C-alpha atoms as a PDB file:
ATOM      1  CA  MET A   1     -35.132 -36.823  40.026  1.00  0.00           C
ATOM      2  CA  GLN A   2     -33.767 -36.762  43.554  1.00  0.00           C
ATOM      3  CA  VAL A   3     -30.539 -34.720  43.851  1.00  0.00           C
ATOM      4  CA  SER A   4     -28.658 -33.762  46.989  1.00  0.00           C
ATOM      5  CA  CYS A   5     -28.441 -30.083  47.922  1.00  0.00           C
ATOM      6  CA  CYS A   6     -24.706 -29.754  47.280  1.00  0.00           C
ATOM      7  CA  HIS A   7     -25.409 -30.101  43.557  1.00  0.00           C
ATOM      8  CA  LEU A   8     -27.998 -27.342  43.320  1.00  0.00           C
ATOM      9  CA  THR A   9     -26.910 -24.130  41.655  1.00  0.00           C
ATOM     10  CA  ARG A  10     -29.638 -22.151  43.375  1.00  0.00           C
ATOM     11  CA  CYS A  11     -30.716 -23.482  46.749  1.00  0.00           C
ATOM     12  CA  GLN A  12     -33.717 -21.459  47.784  1.00  0.00           C
ATOM     13  CA  SER A  13     -34.850 -23.598  50.690  1.00  0.00           C
ATOM     14  CA  ARG A  14     -32.028 -23.050  53.186  1.00  0.00           C
ATOM     15  CA  ALA A  15     -34.528 -22.108  55.848  1.00  0.00           C
ATOM     16  CA  ALA A  16     -36.657 -25.162  55.148  1.00  0.00           C
ATOM     17  CA  SER A  17     -36.430 -28.326  57.139  1.00  0.00           C
ATOM     18  CA  PRO A  18     -33.288 -30.475  56.647  1.00  0.00           C
ATOM     19  CA  VAL A  19     -35.257 -33.338  55.138  1.00  0.00           C
ATOM     20  CA  SER A  20     -36.926 -31.254  52.436  1.00  0.00           C
ATOM     21  CA  HIS A  21     -33.685 -29.334  51.931  1.00  0.00           C
ATOM     22  CA  ARG A  22     -31.651 -32.428  51.046  1.00  0.00           C
ATOM     23  CA  THR A  23     -33.913 -33.886  48.372  1.00  0.00           C
ATOM     24  CA  GLN A  24     -35.720 -31.692  45.912  1.00  0.00           C
ATOM     25  CA  GLN A  25     -37.188 -32.023  42.466  1.00  0.00           C
ATOM     26  CA  VAL A  26     -34.912 -29.817  40.308  1.00  0.00           C
ATOM     27  CA  PRO A  27     -34.869 -29.257  36.539  1.00  0.00           C
ATOM     28  CA  ARG A  28     -31.771 -30.666  34.826  1.00  0.00           C
ATOM     29  CA  SER A  29     -30.758 -27.224  33.529  1.00  0.00           C
ATOM     30  CA  GLN A  30     -30.255 -25.969  37.091  1.00  0.00           C
ATOM     31  CA  LEU A  31     -27.860 -28.746  38.059  1.00  0.00           C
ATOM     32  CA  CYS A  32     -24.102 -28.327  38.098  1.00  0.00           C
ATOM     33  CA  ARG A  33     -21.790 -30.560  36.073  1.00  0.00           C
ATOM     34  CA  ALA A  34     -21.122 -32.862  39.016  1.00  0.00           C
ATOM     35  CA  ALA A  35     -24.830 -33.577  39.443  1.00  0.00           C
ATOM     36  CA  ARG A  36     -25.331 -34.158  35.707  1.00  0.00           C
ATOM     37  CA  ARG A  37     -22.360 -36.523  35.694  1.00  0.00           C
ATOM     38  CA  GLU A  38     -23.782 -38.332  38.736  1.00  0.00           C
ATOM     39  CA  ILE A  39     -27.143 -38.719  37.005  1.00  0.00           C
ATOM     40  CA  ASP A  40     -25.666 -39.683  33.597  1.00  0.00           C
ATOM     41  CA  GLY A  41     -23.148 -42.084  35.134  1.00  0.00           C
ATOM     42  CA  GLY A  42     -25.751 -44.796  35.246  1.00  0.00           C
ATOM     43  CA  GLN A  43     -26.475 -44.351  31.532  1.00  0.00           C
ATOM     44  CA  GLN A  44     -22.812 -44.318  30.481  1.00  0.00           C
ATOM     45  CA  GLN A  45     -22.079 -47.688  32.039  1.00  0.00           C
ATOM     46  CA  PRO A  46     -24.232 -49.725  29.595  1.00  0.00           C
ATOM     47  CA  GLN A  47     -22.799 -47.784  26.647  1.00  0.00           C
ATOM     48  CA  LEU A  48     -19.277 -48.625  27.746  1.00  0.00           C
ATOM     49  CA  MET A  49     -20.173 -52.293  28.084  1.00  0.00           C
ATOM     50  CA  GLN A  50     -21.713 -52.272  24.580  1.00  0.00           C
ATOM     51  CA  GLN A  51     -18.572 -50.696  23.147  1.00  0.00           C
ATOM     52  CA  LEU A  52     -16.352 -53.261  24.869  1.00  0.00           C
ATOM     53  CA  ALA A  53     -18.533 -56.088  23.565  1.00  0.00           C
ATOM     54  CA  ALA A  54     -18.324 -54.671  20.021  1.00  0.00           C
ATOM     55  CA  VAL A  55     -14.526 -54.426  20.229  1.00  0.00           C
ATOM     56  CA  ALA A  56     -14.286 -57.996  21.522  1.00  0.00           C
ATOM     57  CA  ALA A  57     -16.539 -59.301  18.749  1.00  0.00           C
ATOM     58  CA  THR A  58     -14.559 -57.434  16.073  1.00  0.00           C
ATOM     59  CA  THR A  59     -11.300 -58.808  17.443  1.00  0.00           C
ATOM     60  CA  ALA A  60     -12.655 -62.369  17.459  1.00  0.00           C
ATOM     61  CA  VAL A  61     -13.843 -62.082  13.849  1.00  0.00           C
ATOM     62  CA  SER A  62     -10.471 -60.653  12.769  1.00  0.00           C
ATOM     63  CA  ILE A  63      -8.552 -63.493  14.426  1.00  0.00           C
ATOM     64  CA  ALA A  64     -10.842 -66.075  12.859  1.00  0.00           C
ATOM     65  CA  ALA A  65     -10.387 -64.499   9.419  1.00  0.00           C
ATOM     66  CA  MET A  66      -6.596 -64.532   9.764  1.00  0.00           C
ATOM     67  CA  ALA A  67      -6.512 -68.133  10.976  1.00  0.00           C
ATOM     68  CA  ASN A  68      -8.590 -69.461   8.062  1.00  0.00           C
ATOM     69  CA  PRO A  69      -6.597 -69.373   4.772  1.00  0.00           C
ATOM     70  CA  LEU A  70      -9.819 -69.440   2.741  1.00  0.00           C
ATOM     71  CA  PRO A  71      -9.461 -72.768   0.891  1.00  0.00           C
ATOM     72  CA  ALA A  72     -12.183 -71.734  -1.548  1.00  0.00           C
ATOM     73  CA  MET A  73      -9.777 -69.215  -3.079  1.00  0.00           C
ATOM     74  CA  ALA A  74      -7.475 -72.068  -4.181  1.00  0.00           C
ATOM     75  CA  GLU A  75      -9.969 -73.066  -6.896  1.00  0.00           C
ATOM     76  CA  LEU A  76      -9.537 -69.689  -8.573  1.00  0.00           C
ATOM     77  CA  VAL A  77      -5.803 -70.234  -9.236  1.00  0.00           C
ATOM     78  CA  GLN A  78      -5.054 -71.312 -12.819  1.00  0.00           C
ATOM     79  CA  THR A  79      -2.012 -73.363 -13.725  1.00  0.00           C
ATOM     80  CA  VAL A  80      -0.239 -73.083 -17.076  1.00  0.00           C
ATOM     81  CA  PRO A  81       2.020 -75.710 -18.694  1.00  0.00           C
ATOM     82  CA  VAL A  82       5.739 -74.923 -18.926  1.00  0.00           C
ATOM     83  CA  SER A  83       5.766 -75.114 -22.726  1.00  0.00           C
ATOM     84  CA  GLN A  84       3.179 -72.353 -22.971  1.00  0.00           C
ATOM     85  CA  VAL A  85       5.195 -70.119 -20.650  1.00  0.00           C
ATOM     86  CA  THR A  86       8.426 -70.593 -22.637  1.00  0.00           C
ATOM     87  CA  GLN A  87       6.629 -69.829 -25.902  1.00  0.00           C
ATOM     88  CA  MET A  88       5.266 -66.553 -24.526  1.00  0.00           C
ATOM     89  CA  ALA A  89       8.519 -65.480 -22.802  1.00  0.00           C
ATOM     90  CA  LYS A  90      10.501 -62.743 -24.539  1.00  0.00           C
ATOM     91  CA  PRO A  91      14.015 -61.525 -23.753  1.00  0.00           C
ATOM     92  CA  LEU A  92      14.386 -58.268 -21.882  1.00  0.00           C
ATOM     93  CA  PRO A  93      15.104 -55.232 -24.072  1.00  0.00           C
ATOM     94  CA  LYS A  94      18.694 -53.957 -24.271  1.00  0.00           C
ATOM     95  CA  GLN A  95      19.481 -51.175 -21.793  1.00  0.00           C
ATOM     96  CA  LYS A  96      19.772 -47.802 -23.549  1.00  0.00           C
ATOM     97  CA  ILE A  97      21.440 -45.887 -20.696  1.00  0.00           C
ATOM     98  CA  SER A  98      25.226 -45.863 -20.754  1.00  0.00           C
ATOM     99  CA  LYS A  99      27.144 -46.391 -17.531  1.00  0.00           C
ATOM    100  CA  GLY A 100      29.432 -43.473 -18.361  1.00  0.00           C
ATOM    101  CA  LYS A 101      26.546 -40.997 -18.125  1.00  0.00           C
ATOM    102  CA  VAL A 102      25.440 -42.453 -14.791  1.00  0.00           C
ATOM    103  CA  TRP A 103      28.961 -42.204 -13.307  1.00  0.00           C
ATOM    104  CA  THR A 104      29.357 -38.660 -14.631  1.00  0.00           C
ATOM    105  CA  ALA A 105      26.078 -37.603 -13.013  1.00  0.00           C
ATOM    106  CA  PHE A 106      27.024 -39.340  -9.749  1.00  0.00           C
ATOM    107  CA  ILE A 107      30.496 -37.779  -9.485  1.00  0.00           C
ATOM    108  CA  GLY A 108      29.228 -34.371 -10.625  1.00  0.00           C
ATOM    109  CA  GLY A 109      26.479 -34.454  -8.002  1.00  0.00           C
ATOM    110  CA  ALA A 110      28.928 -35.396  -5.245  1.00  0.00           C
ATOM    111  CA  ALA A 111      31.356 -32.604  -6.244  1.00  0.00           C
ATOM    112  CA  SER A 112      28.596 -30.003  -6.396  1.00  0.00           C
ATOM    113  CA  LEU A 113      27.274 -31.118  -2.985  1.00  0.00           C
ATOM    114  CA  PHE A 114      30.783 -30.713  -1.537  1.00  0.00           C
ATOM    115  CA  LEU A 115      31.187 -27.213  -3.006  1.00  0.00           C
ATOM    116  CA  VAL A 116      27.753 -26.088  -1.759  1.00  0.00           C
ATOM    117  CA  THR A 117      28.589 -27.414   1.722  1.00  0.00           C
ATOM    118  CA  VAL A 118      31.908 -25.537   1.822  1.00  0.00           C
ATOM    119  CA  ALA A 119      30.223 -22.339   0.638  1.00  0.00           C
ATOM    120  CA  ALA A 120      27.496 -22.698   3.287  1.00  0.00           C
ATOM    121  CA  GLU A 121      30.046 -23.279   6.065  1.00  0.00           C
ATOM    122  CA  ASN A 122      31.817 -20.021   5.178  1.00  0.00           C
ATOM    123  CA  ASN A 123      28.571 -18.072   5.738  1.00  0.00           C
ATOM    124  CA  LYS A 124      29.072 -16.513   9.188  1.00  0.00           C
ATOM    125  CA  SER A 125      25.357 -15.977   9.818  1.00  0.00           C
ATOM    126  CA  TRP A 126      24.566 -19.683   9.325  1.00  0.00           C
ATOM    127  CA  PHE A 127      27.614 -21.100  11.135  1.00  0.00           C
ATOM    128  CA  PRO A 128      29.025 -18.442  13.511  1.00  0.00           C
ATOM    129  CA  ALA A 129      31.466 -20.783  15.288  1.00  0.00           C
ATOM    130  CA  ILE A 130      33.093 -21.856  12.017  1.00  0.00           C
ATOM    131  CA  GLY A 131      33.255 -18.204  10.926  1.00  0.00           C
ATOM    132  CA  ARG A 132      35.049 -17.184  14.143  1.00  0.00           C
ATOM    133  CA  ALA A 133      37.483 -20.082  13.789  1.00  0.00           C
ATOM    134  CA  ASN A 134      38.239 -19.097  10.183  1.00  0.00           C
ATOM    135  CA  ASP A 135      38.850 -15.456  11.233  1.00  0.00           C
ATOM    136  CA  ALA A 136      41.214 -16.593  14.021  1.00  0.00           C
ATOM    137  CA  MET A 137      43.171 -18.774  11.585  1.00  0.00           C
ATOM    138  CA  ALA A 138      43.456 -15.890   9.089  1.00  0.00           C
ATOM    139  CA  LYS A 139      44.759 -13.536  11.822  1.00  0.00           C
ATOM    140  CA  ALA A 140      47.263 -16.174  12.947  1.00  0.00           C
ATOM    141  CA  ARG A 141      48.558 -16.578   9.358  1.00  0.00           C
ATOM    142  CA  ASN A 142      48.893 -12.796   8.788  1.00  0.00           C
ATOM    143  CA  LYS A 143      50.613 -12.190  12.114  1.00  0.00           C
ATOM    144  CA  PRO A 144      54.431 -11.952  11.817  1.00  0.00           C
ATOM    145  CA  PRO A 145      56.348 -14.711  13.628  1.00  0.00           C
ATOM    146  CA  GLN A 146      57.553 -13.797  17.097  1.00  0.00           C
ATOM    147  CA  ASP A 147      61.231 -14.177  17.975  1.00  0.00           C
ATOM    148  CA  GLU A 148      61.976 -15.735  21.280  1.00  0.00           C
END
């Protein structure tokens, strides 16, 4: 392989003639990353084109599959007469859950959520601004009224 001198990691022929210095046969292991990339760049181009062609082919097949509704699948659908359906139909079972229990659980959950929220807001380490405001209001209530 012919590689320019700027890509050599160890250039031993600095004193040699400029022509032999510029192009040397060098093992791949002694090349820097830039030289390897320059050499491999020619090999990566066809791989990229193959990948793009594969993506394009996959996209074309997907579009064709979505556009065709597969008419052969229509033969697999079975139709049943209405009389047979009405004979097999059964009424839905009676609901066993009372609405009173549902409303009790709903209202109880809402009340407990409210109480937990109030208790959490009074925690000064979680909500310091609310705690300071509550302390200021308590001091203002305990303070005797001022006469003007």
